[in-house]
Amino acid sequence: VHTLAGVLVMFGIIANQGAGRVLNVRPLLFLGRLSFPIYLFHFPLLCSLGCGLFLALREVTSYSGSTIIVAIIYAATVLMTGLLLTRVDEAWGAWLTRMTDSLLMPKARIAPVR
């Protein structure tokens, strides 16, 4: 049921030009580029940095204070990790495109004029 709903939503967005224009704005495109790196690293960061920081802060501050501090630091770290990995992904994609283009479409070699 969830898969079918996802397919129908995607089809509706593709078929509806108005929805495509609304979703094709810079902030949403930026969020789309960040979504995969954030998806990959949010849980490991939560389990390592988030929990470790919470336990360390819990000894010196209140529960709610620890939670707020950890939430701010965790959100900033996840965002910075997403930005960094987006840059790495863009550089990797550009390099991969150049490599495949050079392998699939070698430049014509012109003999020197004498």
PDB file of N, CA and C in Angstrom:
ATOM      1  N   VAL A   1       0.831  -1.184   0.000  1.00  0.00           N
ATOM      2  CA  VAL A   1       0.000   0.000   0.000  1.00  0.00           C
ATOM      3  C   VAL A   1       0.881   1.255   0.000  1.00  0.00           C
ATOM      4  N   HIS A   2       1.940   1.266   0.817  1.00  0.00           N
ATOM      5  CA  HIS A   2       2.813   2.441   0.887  1.00  0.00           C
ATOM      6  C   HIS A   2       3.552   2.653  -0.431  1.00  0.00           C
ATOM      7  N   THR A   3       3.975   1.564  -1.040  1.00  0.00           N
ATOM      8  CA  THR A   3       4.687   1.674  -2.312  1.00  0.00           C
ATOM      9  C   THR A   3       3.765   2.233  -3.385  1.00  0.00           C
ATOM     10  N   LEU A   4       2.561   1.734  -3.441  1.00  0.00           N
ATOM     11  CA  LEU A   4       1.593   2.225  -4.421  1.00  0.00           C
ATOM     12  C   LEU A   4       1.288   3.708  -4.184  1.00  0.00           C
ATOM     13  N   ALA A   5       1.140   4.090  -2.932  1.00  0.00           N
ATOM     14  CA  ALA A   5       0.889   5.502  -2.619  1.00  0.00           C
ATOM     15  C   ALA A   5       2.063   6.369  -3.053  1.00  0.00           C
ATOM     16  N   GLY A   6       3.283   5.896  -2.810  1.00  0.00           N
ATOM     17  CA  GLY A   6       4.473   6.642  -3.237  1.00  0.00           C
ATOM     18  C   GLY A   6       4.538   6.795  -4.745  1.00  0.00           C
ATOM     19  N   VAL A   7       4.222   5.721  -5.473  1.00  0.00           N
ATOM     20  CA  VAL A   7       4.218   5.770  -6.934  1.00  0.00           C
ATOM     21  C   VAL A   7       3.158   6.757  -7.429  1.00  0.00           C
ATOM     22  N   LEU A   8       1.980   6.734  -6.822  1.00  0.00           N
ATOM     23  CA  LEU A   8       0.920   7.648  -7.229  1.00  0.00           C
ATOM     24  C   LEU A   8       1.280   9.110  -6.942  1.00  0.00           C
ATOM     25  N   VAL A   9       1.926   9.367  -5.817  1.00  0.00           N
ATOM     26  CA  VAL A   9       2.361  10.728  -5.506  1.00  0.00           C
ATOM     27  C   VAL A   9       3.392  11.192  -6.532  1.00  0.00           C
ATOM     28  N   MET A  10       4.364  10.339  -6.844  1.00  0.00           N
ATOM     29  CA  MET A  10       5.388  10.694  -7.838  1.00  0.00           C
ATOM     30  C   MET A  10       4.749  10.937  -9.201  1.00  0.00           C
ATOM     31  N   PHE A  11       3.829  10.085  -9.599  1.00  0.00           N
ATOM     32  CA  PHE A  11       3.147  10.258 -10.879  1.00  0.00           C
ATOM     33  C   PHE A  11       2.362  11.568 -10.908  1.00  0.00           C
ATOM     34  N   GLY A  12       1.686  11.873  -9.812  1.00  0.00           N
ATOM     35  CA  GLY A  12       0.929  13.113  -9.735  1.00  0.00           C
ATOM     36  C   GLY A  12       1.819  14.339  -9.838  1.00  0.00           C
ATOM     37  N   ILE A  13       2.981  14.302  -9.223  1.00  0.00           N
ATOM     38  CA  ILE A  13       3.910  15.432  -9.294  1.00  0.00           C
ATOM     39  C   ILE A  13       4.475  15.579 -10.701  1.00  0.00           C
ATOM     40  N   ILE A  14       4.828  14.451 -11.323  1.00  0.00           N
ATOM     41  CA  ILE A  14       5.378  14.492 -12.678  1.00  0.00           C
ATOM     42  C   ILE A  14       4.332  14.985 -13.665  1.00  0.00           C
ATOM     43  N   ALA A  15       3.080  14.538 -13.512  1.00  0.00           N
ATOM     44  CA  ALA A  15       2.021  14.898 -14.449  1.00  0.00           C
ATOM     45  C   ALA A  15       1.518  16.333 -14.251  1.00  0.00           C
ATOM     46  N   ASN A  16       1.652  16.879 -13.067  1.00  0.00           N
ATOM     47  CA  ASN A  16       1.125  18.209 -12.761  1.00  0.00           C
ATOM     48  C   ASN A  16       2.249  19.238 -12.856  1.00  0.00           C
ATOM     49  N   GLN A  17       2.204  20.082 -13.861  1.00  0.00           N
ATOM     50  CA  GLN A  17       3.266  21.070 -14.051  1.00  0.00           C
ATOM     51  C   GLN A  17       3.282  22.116 -12.937  1.00  0.00           C
ATOM     52  N   GLY A  18       2.138  22.450 -12.391  1.00  0.00           N
ATOM     53  CA  GLY A  18       2.087  23.422 -11.294  1.00  0.00           C
ATOM     54  C   GLY A  18       2.814  22.907 -10.064  1.00  0.00           C
ATOM     55  N   ALA A  19       2.586  21.650  -9.735  1.00  0.00           N
ATOM     56  CA  ALA A  19       3.278  21.061  -8.578  1.00  0.00           C
ATOM     57  C   ALA A  19       4.775  20.989  -8.847  1.00  0.00           C
ATOM     58  N   GLY A  20       5.147  20.688 -10.080  1.00  0.00           N
ATOM     59  CA  GLY A  20       6.565  20.648 -10.438  1.00  0.00           C
ATOM     60  C   GLY A  20       7.228  21.999 -10.268  1.00  0.00           C
ATOM     61  N   ARG A  21       6.521  23.076 -10.652  1.00  0.00           N
ATOM     62  CA  ARG A  21       7.072  24.426 -10.493  1.00  0.00           C
ATOM     63  C   ARG A  21       7.210  24.793  -9.019  1.00  0.00           C
ATOM     64  N   VAL A  22       6.231  24.412  -8.213  1.00  0.00           N
ATOM     65  CA  VAL A  22       6.281  24.719  -6.777  1.00  0.00           C
ATOM     66  C   VAL A  22       7.445  23.983  -6.117  1.00  0.00           C
ATOM     67  N   LEU A  23       7.664  22.738  -6.517  1.00  0.00           N
ATOM     68  CA  LEU A  23       8.727  21.940  -5.911  1.00  0.00           C
ATOM     69  C   LEU A  23      10.096  22.225  -6.503  1.00  0.00           C
ATOM     70  N   ASN A  24      10.165  23.039  -7.545  1.00  0.00           N
ATOM     71  CA  ASN A  24      11.424  23.315  -8.219  1.00  0.00           C
ATOM     72  C   ASN A  24      12.018  24.658  -7.778  1.00  0.00           C
ATOM     73  N   VAL A  25      11.764  25.048  -6.527  1.00  0.00           N
ATOM     74  CA  VAL A  25      12.337  26.281  -5.993  1.00  0.00           C
ATOM     75  C   VAL A  25      13.651  25.965  -5.281  1.00  0.00           C
ATOM     76  N   ARG A  26      14.528  26.959  -5.233  1.00  0.00           N
ATOM     77  CA  ARG A  26      15.887  26.738  -4.712  1.00  0.00           C
ATOM     78  C   ARG A  26      15.937  26.124  -3.308  1.00  0.00           C
ATOM     79  N   PRO A  27      15.152  26.594  -2.335  1.00  0.00           N
ATOM     80  CA  PRO A  27      15.254  25.991  -0.999  1.00  0.00           C
ATOM     81  C   PRO A  27      14.899  24.498  -0.997  1.00  0.00           C
ATOM     82  N   LEU A  28      13.894  24.120  -1.767  1.00  0.00           N
ATOM     83  CA  LEU A  28      13.518  22.702  -1.802  1.00  0.00           C
ATOM     84  C   LEU A  28      14.537  21.867  -2.568  1.00  0.00           C
ATOM     85  N   LEU A  29      15.136  22.427  -3.611  1.00  0.00           N
ATOM     86  CA  LEU A  29      16.202  21.721  -4.326  1.00  0.00           C
ATOM     87  C   LEU A  29      17.414  21.525  -3.418  1.00  0.00           C
ATOM     88  N   PHE A  30      17.721  22.551  -2.631  1.00  0.00           N
ATOM     89  CA  PHE A  30      18.822  22.455  -1.672  1.00  0.00           C
ATOM     90  C   PHE A  30      18.529  21.378  -0.626  1.00  0.00           C
ATOM     91  N   LEU A  31      17.309  21.362  -0.113  1.00  0.00           N
ATOM     92  CA  LEU A  31      16.913  20.345   0.859  1.00  0.00           C
ATOM     93  C   LEU A  31      16.991  18.951   0.240  1.00  0.00           C
ATOM     94  N   GLY A  32      16.632  18.845  -1.025  1.00  0.00           N
ATOM     95  CA  GLY A  32      16.727  17.554  -1.712  1.00  0.00           C
ATOM     96  C   GLY A  32      18.160  17.062  -1.822  1.00  0.00           C
ATOM     97  N   ARG A  33      19.108  17.985  -2.081  1.00  0.00           N
ATOM     98  CA  ARG A  33      20.515  17.587  -2.159  1.00  0.00           C
ATOM     99  C   ARG A  33      21.045  17.170  -0.792  1.00  0.00           C
ATOM    100  N   LEU A  34      20.550  17.798   0.262  1.00  0.00           N
ATOM    101  CA  LEU A  34      21.009  17.459   1.611  1.00  0.00           C
ATOM    102  C   LEU A  34      20.366  16.191   2.169  1.00  0.00           C
ATOM    103  N   SER A  35      19.236  15.798   1.644  1.00  0.00           N
ATOM    104  CA  SER A  35      18.444  14.743   2.288  1.00  0.00           C
ATOM    105  C   SER A  35      19.170  13.402   2.358  1.00  0.00           C
ATOM    106  N   PHE A  36      19.874  13.000   1.306  1.00  0.00           N
ATOM    107  CA  PHE A  36      20.511  11.681   1.352  1.00  0.00           C
ATOM    108  C   PHE A  36      21.679  11.633   2.326  1.00  0.00           C
ATOM    109  N   PRO A  37      22.620  12.609   2.321  1.00  0.00           N
ATOM    110  CA  PRO A  37      23.677  12.561   3.336  1.00  0.00           C
ATOM    111  C   PRO A  37      23.131  12.638   4.760  1.00  0.00           C
ATOM    112  N   ILE A  38      22.092  13.439   4.964  1.00  0.00           N
ATOM    113  CA  ILE A  38      21.505  13.503   6.301  1.00  0.00           C
ATOM    114  C   ILE A  38      20.888  12.162   6.669  1.00  0.00           C
ATOM    115  N   TYR A  39      20.198  11.544   5.712  1.00  0.00           N
ATOM    116  CA  TYR A  39      19.598  10.227   5.954  1.00  0.00           C
ATOM    117  C   TYR A  39      20.674   9.214   6.342  1.00  0.00           C
ATOM    118  N   LEU A  40      21.815   9.249   5.644  1.00  0.00           N
ATOM    119  CA  LEU A  40      22.867   8.271   5.912  1.00  0.00           C
ATOM    120  C   LEU A  40      23.506   8.440   7.285  1.00  0.00           C
ATOM    121  N   PHE A  41      23.701   9.682   7.716  1.00  0.00           N
ATOM    122  CA  PHE A  41      24.527   9.908   8.899  1.00  0.00           C
ATOM    123  C   PHE A  41      23.781  10.365  10.142  1.00  0.00           C
ATOM    124  N   HIS A  42      22.479  10.618  10.065  1.00  0.00           N
ATOM    125  CA  HIS A  42      21.805  11.130  11.259  1.00  0.00           C
ATOM    126  C   HIS A  42      21.773  10.105  12.386  1.00  0.00           C
ATOM    127  N   PHE A  43      21.543   8.848  12.069  1.00  0.00           N
ATOM    128  CA  PHE A  43      21.429   7.851  13.134  1.00  0.00           C
ATOM    129  C   PHE A  43      22.775   7.522  13.773  1.00  0.00           C
ATOM    130  N   PRO A  44      23.849   7.286  12.982  1.00  0.00           N
ATOM    131  CA  PRO A  44      25.145   7.081  13.648  1.00  0.00           C
ATOM    132  C   PRO A  44      25.587   8.280  14.494  1.00  0.00           C
ATOM    133  N   LEU A  45      25.312   9.488  14.014  1.00  0.00           N
ATOM    134  CA  LEU A  45      25.653  10.665  14.814  1.00  0.00           C
ATOM    135  C   LEU A  45      24.805  10.751  16.077  1.00  0.00           C
ATOM    136  N   LEU A  46      23.548  10.385  15.978  1.00  0.00           N
ATOM    137  CA  LEU A  46      22.681  10.407  17.160  1.00  0.00           C
ATOM    138  C   LEU A  46      23.159   9.403  18.197  1.00  0.00           C
ATOM    139  N   CYS A  47      23.505   8.201  17.730  1.00  0.00           N
ATOM    140  CA  CYS A  47      23.920   7.145  18.663  1.00  0.00           C
ATOM    141  C   CYS A  47      25.300   7.402  19.264  1.00  0.00           C
ATOM    142  N   SER A  48      26.170   8.093  18.557  1.00  0.00           N
ATOM    143  CA  SER A  48      27.511   8.337  19.088  1.00  0.00           C
ATOM    144  C   SER A  48      27.603   9.715  19.740  1.00  0.00           C
ATOM    145  N   LEU A  49      27.563  10.754  18.942  1.00  0.00           N
ATOM    146  CA  LEU A  49      27.718  12.119  19.448  1.00  0.00           C
ATOM    147  C   LEU A  49      26.560  12.502  20.370  1.00  0.00           C
ATOM    148  N   GLY A  50      25.346  12.273  19.921  1.00  0.00           N
ATOM    149  CA  GLY A  50      24.184  12.690  20.708  1.00  0.00           C
ATOM    150  C   GLY A  50      24.135  12.035  22.074  1.00  0.00           C
ATOM    151  N   CYS A  51      24.265  10.714  22.100  1.00  0.00           N
ATOM    152  CA  CYS A  51      24.179  10.003  23.383  1.00  0.00           C
ATOM    153  C   CYS A  51      25.369  10.305  24.280  1.00  0.00           C
ATOM    154  N   GLY A  52      26.569  10.314  23.697  1.00  0.00           N
ATOM    155  CA  GLY A  52      27.759  10.597  24.502  1.00  0.00           C
ATOM    156  C   GLY A  52      27.720  11.990  25.103  1.00  0.00           C
ATOM    157  N   LEU A  53      27.319  12.965  24.297  1.00  0.00           N
ATOM    158  CA  LEU A  53      27.230  14.335  24.780  1.00  0.00           C
ATOM    159  C   LEU A  53      26.143  14.472  25.848  1.00  0.00           C
ATOM    160  N   PHE A  54      25.029  13.804  25.633  1.00  0.00           N
ATOM    161  CA  PHE A  54      23.950  13.872  26.630  1.00  0.00           C
ATOM    162  C   PHE A  54      24.413  13.301  27.962  1.00  0.00           C
ATOM    163  N   LEU A  55      25.080  12.160  27.931  1.00  0.00           N
ATOM    164  CA  LEU A  55      25.545  11.548  29.180  1.00  0.00           C
ATOM    165  C   LEU A  55      26.583  12.419  29.874  1.00  0.00           C
ATOM    166  N   ALA A  56      27.447  13.059  29.090  1.00  0.00           N
ATOM    167  CA  ALA A  56      28.456  13.933  29.689  1.00  0.00           C
ATOM    168  C   ALA A  56      27.808  15.184  30.288  1.00  0.00           C
ATOM    169  N   LEU A  57      26.859  15.770  29.583  1.00  0.00           N
ATOM    170  CA  LEU A  57      26.202  16.983  30.077  1.00  0.00           C
ATOM    171  C   LEU A  57      25.240  16.695  31.223  1.00  0.00           C
ATOM    172  N   ARG A  58      24.695  15.514  31.261  1.00  0.00           N
ATOM    173  CA  ARG A  58      23.709  15.156  32.286  1.00  0.00           C
ATOM    174  C   ARG A  58      24.301  15.254  33.685  1.00  0.00           C
ATOM    175  N   GLU A  59      25.613  15.052  33.773  1.00  0.00           N
ATOM    176  CA  GLU A  59      26.265  15.120  35.084  1.00  0.00           C
ATOM    177  C   GLU A  59      26.422  16.551  35.578  1.00  0.00           C
ATOM    178  N   VAL A  60      26.402  17.535  34.659  1.00  0.00           N
ATOM    179  CA  VAL A  60      26.658  18.909  35.074  1.00  0.00           C
ATOM    180  C   VAL A  60      25.460  19.841  34.901  1.00  0.00           C
ATOM    181  N   THR A  61      24.413  19.388  34.248  1.00  0.00           N
ATOM    182  CA  THR A  61      23.248  20.250  34.048  1.00  0.00           C
ATOM    183  C   THR A  61      21.969  19.417  34.164  1.00  0.00           C
ATOM    184  N   SER A  62      20.843  20.089  34.073  1.00  0.00           N
ATOM    185  CA  SER A  62      19.550  19.412  34.214  1.00  0.00           C
ATOM    186  C   SER A  62      19.233  18.579  32.970  1.00  0.00           C
ATOM    187  N   TYR A  63      18.204  17.759  33.115  1.00  0.00           N
ATOM    188  CA  TYR A  63      17.773  16.910  31.985  1.00  0.00           C
ATOM    189  C   TYR A  63      17.346  17.765  30.798  1.00  0.00           C
ATOM    190  N   SER A  64      16.507  18.770  31.056  1.00  0.00           N
ATOM    191  CA  SER A  64      16.032  19.605  29.952  1.00  0.00           C
ATOM    192  C   SER A  64      17.163  20.450  29.372  1.00  0.00           C
ATOM    193  N   GLY A  65      18.069  20.930  30.207  1.00  0.00           N
ATOM    194  CA  GLY A  65      19.221  21.679  29.713  1.00  0.00           C
ATOM    195  C   GLY A  65      20.109  20.820  28.834  1.00  0.00           C
ATOM    196  N   SER A  66      20.360  19.593  29.267  1.00  0.00           N
ATOM    197  CA  SER A  66      21.167  18.660  28.472  1.00  0.00           C
ATOM    198  C   SER A  66      20.490  18.369  27.142  1.00  0.00           C
ATOM    199  N   THR A  67      19.196  18.174  27.176  1.00  0.00           N
ATOM    200  CA  THR A  67      18.452  17.867  25.956  1.00  0.00           C
ATOM    201  C   THR A  67      18.518  19.015  24.959  1.00  0.00           C
ATOM    202  N   ILE A  68      18.351  20.230  25.425  1.00  0.00           N
ATOM    203  CA  ILE A  68      18.380  21.396  24.533  1.00  0.00           C
ATOM    204  C   ILE A  68      19.767  21.582  23.943  1.00  0.00           C
ATOM    205  N   ILE A  69      20.802  21.496  24.769  1.00  0.00           N
ATOM    206  CA  ILE A  69      22.174  21.667  24.286  1.00  0.00           C
ATOM    207  C   ILE A  69      22.519  20.584  23.261  1.00  0.00           C
ATOM    208  N   VAL A  70      22.178  19.348  23.571  1.00  0.00           N
ATOM    209  CA  VAL A  70      22.462  18.244  22.647  1.00  0.00           C
ATOM    210  C   VAL A  70      21.690  18.417  21.346  1.00  0.00           C
ATOM    211  N   ALA A  71      20.443  18.833  21.432  1.00  0.00           N
ATOM    212  CA  ALA A  71      19.636  19.024  20.215  1.00  0.00           C
ATOM    213  C   ALA A  71      20.252  20.080  19.308  1.00  0.00           C
ATOM    214  N   ILE A  72      20.721  21.174  19.888  1.00  0.00           N
ATOM    215  CA  ILE A  72      21.333  22.241  19.078  1.00  0.00           C
ATOM    216  C   ILE A  72      22.635  21.763  18.453  1.00  0.00           C
ATOM    217  N   ILE A  73      23.502  21.150  19.248  1.00  0.00           N
ATOM    218  CA  ILE A  73      24.785  20.671  18.724  1.00  0.00           C
ATOM    219  C   ILE A  73      24.574  19.559  17.708  1.00  0.00           C
ATOM    220  N   TYR A  74      23.649  18.653  17.988  1.00  0.00           N
ATOM    221  CA  TYR A  74      23.366  17.545  17.068  1.00  0.00           C
ATOM    222  C   TYR A  74      22.822  18.057  15.739  1.00  0.00           C
ATOM    223  N   ALA A  75      21.873  18.990  15.789  1.00  0.00           N
ATOM    224  CA  ALA A  75      21.297  19.528  14.554  1.00  0.00           C
ATOM    225  C   ALA A  75      22.364  20.242  13.727  1.00  0.00           C
ATOM    226  N   ALA A  76      23.212  21.031  14.376  1.00  0.00           N
ATOM    227  CA  ALA A  76      24.284  21.725  13.660  1.00  0.00           C
ATOM    228  C   ALA A  76      25.265  20.729  13.049  1.00  0.00           C
ATOM    229  N   THR A  77      25.603  19.682  13.783  1.00  0.00           N
ATOM    230  CA  THR A  77      26.544  18.680  13.277  1.00  0.00           C
ATOM    231  C   THR A  77      25.957  17.914  12.107  1.00  0.00           C
ATOM    232  N   VAL A  78      24.694  17.544  12.193  1.00  0.00           N
ATOM    233  CA  VAL A  78      24.050  16.835  11.084  1.00  0.00           C
ATOM    234  C   VAL A  78      23.991  17.724   9.850  1.00  0.00           C
ATOM    235  N   LEU A  79      23.659  18.994  10.025  1.00  0.00           N
ATOM    236  CA  LEU A  79      23.601  19.924   8.901  1.00  0.00           C
ATOM    237  C   LEU A  79      24.982  20.113   8.273  1.00  0.00           C
ATOM    238  N   MET A  80      26.012  20.308   9.097  1.00  0.00           N
ATOM    239  CA  MET A  80      27.369  20.484   8.559  1.00  0.00           C
ATOM    240  C   MET A  80      27.847  19.213   7.853  1.00  0.00           C
ATOM    241  N   THR A  81      27.535  18.054   8.419  1.00  0.00           N
ATOM    242  CA  THR A  81      27.906  16.792   7.776  1.00  0.00           C
ATOM    243  C   THR A  81      27.189  16.655   6.442  1.00  0.00           C
ATOM    244  N   GLY A  82      25.920  17.007   6.399  1.00  0.00           N
ATOM    245  CA  GLY A  82      25.173  16.956   5.146  1.00  0.00           C
ATOM    246  C   GLY A  82      25.752  17.885   4.097  1.00  0.00           C
ATOM    247  N   LEU A  83      26.125  19.113   4.505  1.00  0.00           N
ATOM    248  CA  LEU A  83      26.729  20.066   3.571  1.00  0.00           C
ATOM    249  C   LEU A  83      28.063  19.559   3.047  1.00  0.00           C
ATOM    250  N   LEU A  84      28.893  19.041   3.946  1.00  0.00           N
ATOM    251  CA  LEU A  84      30.197  18.521   3.545  1.00  0.00           C
ATOM    252  C   LEU A  84      30.047  17.354   2.573  1.00  0.00           C
ATOM    253  N   LEU A  85      29.189  16.429   2.901  1.00  0.00           N
ATOM    254  CA  LEU A  85      29.025  15.259   2.039  1.00  0.00           C
ATOM    255  C   LEU A  85      28.325  15.594   0.732  1.00  0.00           C
ATOM    256  N   THR A  86      27.514  16.645   0.711  1.00  0.00           N
ATOM    257  CA  THR A  86      26.931  17.106  -0.545  1.00  0.00           C
ATOM    258  C   THR A  86      28.028  17.615  -1.461  1.00  0.00           C
ATOM    259  N   ARG A  87      28.985  18.359  -0.910  1.00  0.00           N
ATOM    260  CA  ARG A  87      30.132  18.843  -1.704  1.00  0.00           C
ATOM    261  C   ARG A  87      30.965  17.676  -2.217  1.00  0.00           C
ATOM    262  N   VAL A  88      31.203  16.698  -1.365  1.00  0.00           N
ATOM    263  CA  VAL A  88      31.968  15.518  -1.785  1.00  0.00           C
ATOM    264  C   VAL A  88      31.222  14.794  -2.904  1.00  0.00           C
ATOM    265  N   ASP A  89      29.921  14.653  -2.750  1.00  0.00           N
ATOM    266  CA  ASP A  89      29.119  13.972  -3.769  1.00  0.00           C
ATOM    267  C   ASP A  89      29.133  14.727  -5.092  1.00  0.00           C
ATOM    268  N   GLU A  90      29.055  16.060  -5.045  1.00  0.00           N
ATOM    269  CA  GLU A  90      29.101  16.851  -6.280  1.00  0.00           C
ATOM    270  C   GLU A  90      30.453  16.717  -6.962  1.00  0.00           C
ATOM    271  N   ALA A  91      31.543  16.766  -6.190  1.00  0.00           N
ATOM    272  CA  ALA A  91      32.883  16.612  -6.764  1.00  0.00           C
ATOM    273  C   ALA A  91      33.055  15.214  -7.352  1.00  0.00           C
ATOM    274  N   TRP A  92      32.587  14.206  -6.634  1.00  0.00           N
ATOM    275  CA  TRP A  92      32.674  12.828  -7.119  1.00  0.00           C
ATOM    276  C   TRP A  92      31.865  12.659  -8.402  1.00  0.00           C
ATOM    277  N   GLY A  93      30.668  13.212  -8.442  1.00  0.00           N
ATOM    278  CA  GLY A  93      29.832  13.119  -9.640  1.00  0.00           C
ATOM    279  C   GLY A  93      30.471  13.805 -10.839  1.00  0.00           C
ATOM    280  N   ALA A  94      31.067  14.986 -10.612  1.00  0.00           N
ATOM    281  CA  ALA A  94      31.743  15.692 -11.706  1.00  0.00           C
ATOM    282  C   ALA A  94      32.937  14.890 -12.210  1.00  0.00           C
ATOM    283  N   TRP A  95      33.720  14.341 -11.298  1.00  0.00           N
ATOM    284  CA  TRP A  95      34.878  13.529 -11.699  1.00  0.00           C
ATOM    285  C   TRP A  95      34.424  12.293 -12.461  1.00  0.00           C
ATOM    286  N   LEU A  96      33.396  11.632 -11.957  1.00  0.00           N
ATOM    287  CA  LEU A  96      32.891  10.430 -12.611  1.00  0.00           C
ATOM    288  C   LEU A  96      32.349  10.735 -13.996  1.00  0.00           C
ATOM    289  N   THR A  97      31.679  11.864 -14.155  1.00  0.00           N
ATOM    290  CA  THR A  97      31.176  12.272 -15.469  1.00  0.00           C
ATOM    291  C   THR A  97      32.333  12.510 -16.434  1.00  0.00           C
ATOM    292  N   ARG A  98      33.371  13.207 -15.963  1.00  0.00           N
ATOM    293  CA  ARG A  98      34.534  13.437 -16.825  1.00  0.00           C
ATOM    294  C   ARG A  98      35.198  12.131 -17.233  1.00  0.00           C
ATOM    295  N   MET A  99      35.326  11.218 -16.294  1.00  0.00           N
ATOM    296  CA  MET A  99      35.977   9.933 -16.593  1.00  0.00           C
ATOM    297  C   MET A  99      35.158   9.119 -17.593  1.00  0.00           C
ATOM    298  N   THR A 100      33.876   9.025 -17.385  1.00  0.00           N
ATOM    299  CA  THR A 100      33.065   8.229 -18.308  1.00  0.00           C
ATOM    300  C   THR A 100      32.989   8.899 -19.675  1.00  0.00           C
ATOM    301  N   ASP A 101      32.933  10.236 -19.707  1.00  0.00           N
ATOM    302  CA  ASP A 101      32.935  10.932 -20.995  1.00  0.00           C
ATOM    303  C   ASP A 101      34.238  10.676 -21.748  1.00  0.00           C
ATOM    304  N   SER A 102      35.356  10.704 -21.022  1.00  0.00           N
ATOM    305  CA  SER A 102      36.635  10.481 -21.699  1.00  0.00           C
ATOM    306  C   SER A 102      36.772   9.039 -22.174  1.00  0.00           C
ATOM    307  N   LEU A 103      36.162   8.094 -21.487  1.00  0.00           N
ATOM    308  CA  LEU A 103      36.233   6.694 -21.909  1.00  0.00           C
ATOM    309  C   LEU A 103      35.259   6.387 -23.042  1.00  0.00           C
ATOM    310  N   LEU A 104      34.074   6.976 -22.967  1.00  0.00           N
ATOM    311  CA  LEU A 104      33.056   6.668 -23.969  1.00  0.00           C
ATOM    312  C   LEU A 104      33.150   7.535 -25.211  1.00  0.00           C
ATOM    313  N   MET A 105      33.675   8.739 -25.065  1.00  0.00           N
ATOM    314  CA  MET A 105      33.778   9.652 -26.204  1.00  0.00           C
ATOM    315  C   MET A 105      35.192  10.225 -26.279  1.00  0.00           C
ATOM    316  N   PRO A 106      36.163   9.413 -26.677  1.00  0.00           N
ATOM    317  CA  PRO A 106      37.528   9.948 -26.745  1.00  0.00           C
ATOM    318  C   PRO A 106      37.604  11.058 -27.780  1.00  0.00           C
ATOM    319  N   LYS A 107      38.437  12.050 -27.484  1.00  0.00           N
ATOM    320  CA  LYS A 107      38.590  13.186 -28.381  1.00  0.00           C
ATOM    321  C   LYS A 107      39.306  12.722 -29.638  1.00  0.00           C
ATOM    322  N   ALA A 108      38.893  13.306 -30.760  1.00  0.00           N
ATOM    323  CA  ALA A 108      39.518  12.973 -32.043  1.00  0.00           C
ATOM    324  C   ALA A 108      40.951  13.501 -32.029  1.00  0.00           C
ATOM    325  N   ARG A 109      41.847  12.664 -32.458  1.00  0.00           N
ATOM    326  CA  ARG A 109      43.243  13.077 -32.522  1.00  0.00           C
ATOM    327  C   ARG A 109      43.537  13.610 -33.903  1.00  0.00           C
ATOM    328  N   ILE A 110      44.009  14.819 -33.947  1.00  0.00           N
ATOM    329  CA  ILE A 110      44.306  15.462 -35.220  1.00  0.00           C
ATOM    330  C   ILE A 110      45.802  15.422 -35.424  1.00  0.00           C
ATOM    331  N   ALA A 111      46.198  14.968 -36.576  1.00  0.00           N
ATOM    332  CA  ALA A 111      47.638  14.894 -36.892  1.00  0.00           C
ATOM    333  C   ALA A 111      48.191  16.305 -37.039  1.00  0.00           C
ATOM    334  N   PRO A 112      49.400  16.523 -36.535  1.00  0.00           N
ATOM    335  CA  PRO A 112      49.990  17.866 -36.641  1.00  0.00           C
ATOM    336  C   PRO A 112      50.254  18.218 -38.107  1.00  0.00           C
ATOM    337  N   VAL A 113      50.111  19.494 -38.420  1.00  0.00           N
ATOM    338  CA  VAL A 113      50.327  20.003 -39.770  1.00  0.00           C
ATOM    339  C   VAL A 113      51.825  20.219 -39.970  1.00  0.00           C
ATOM    340  N   ARG A 114      52.356  19.731 -41.145  1.00  0.00           N
ATOM    341  CA  ARG A 114      53.791  19.903 -41.429  1.00  0.00           C
ATOM    342  C   ARG A 114      53.992  20.824 -42.564  1.00  0.00           C
TER     343      ARG A 114
END
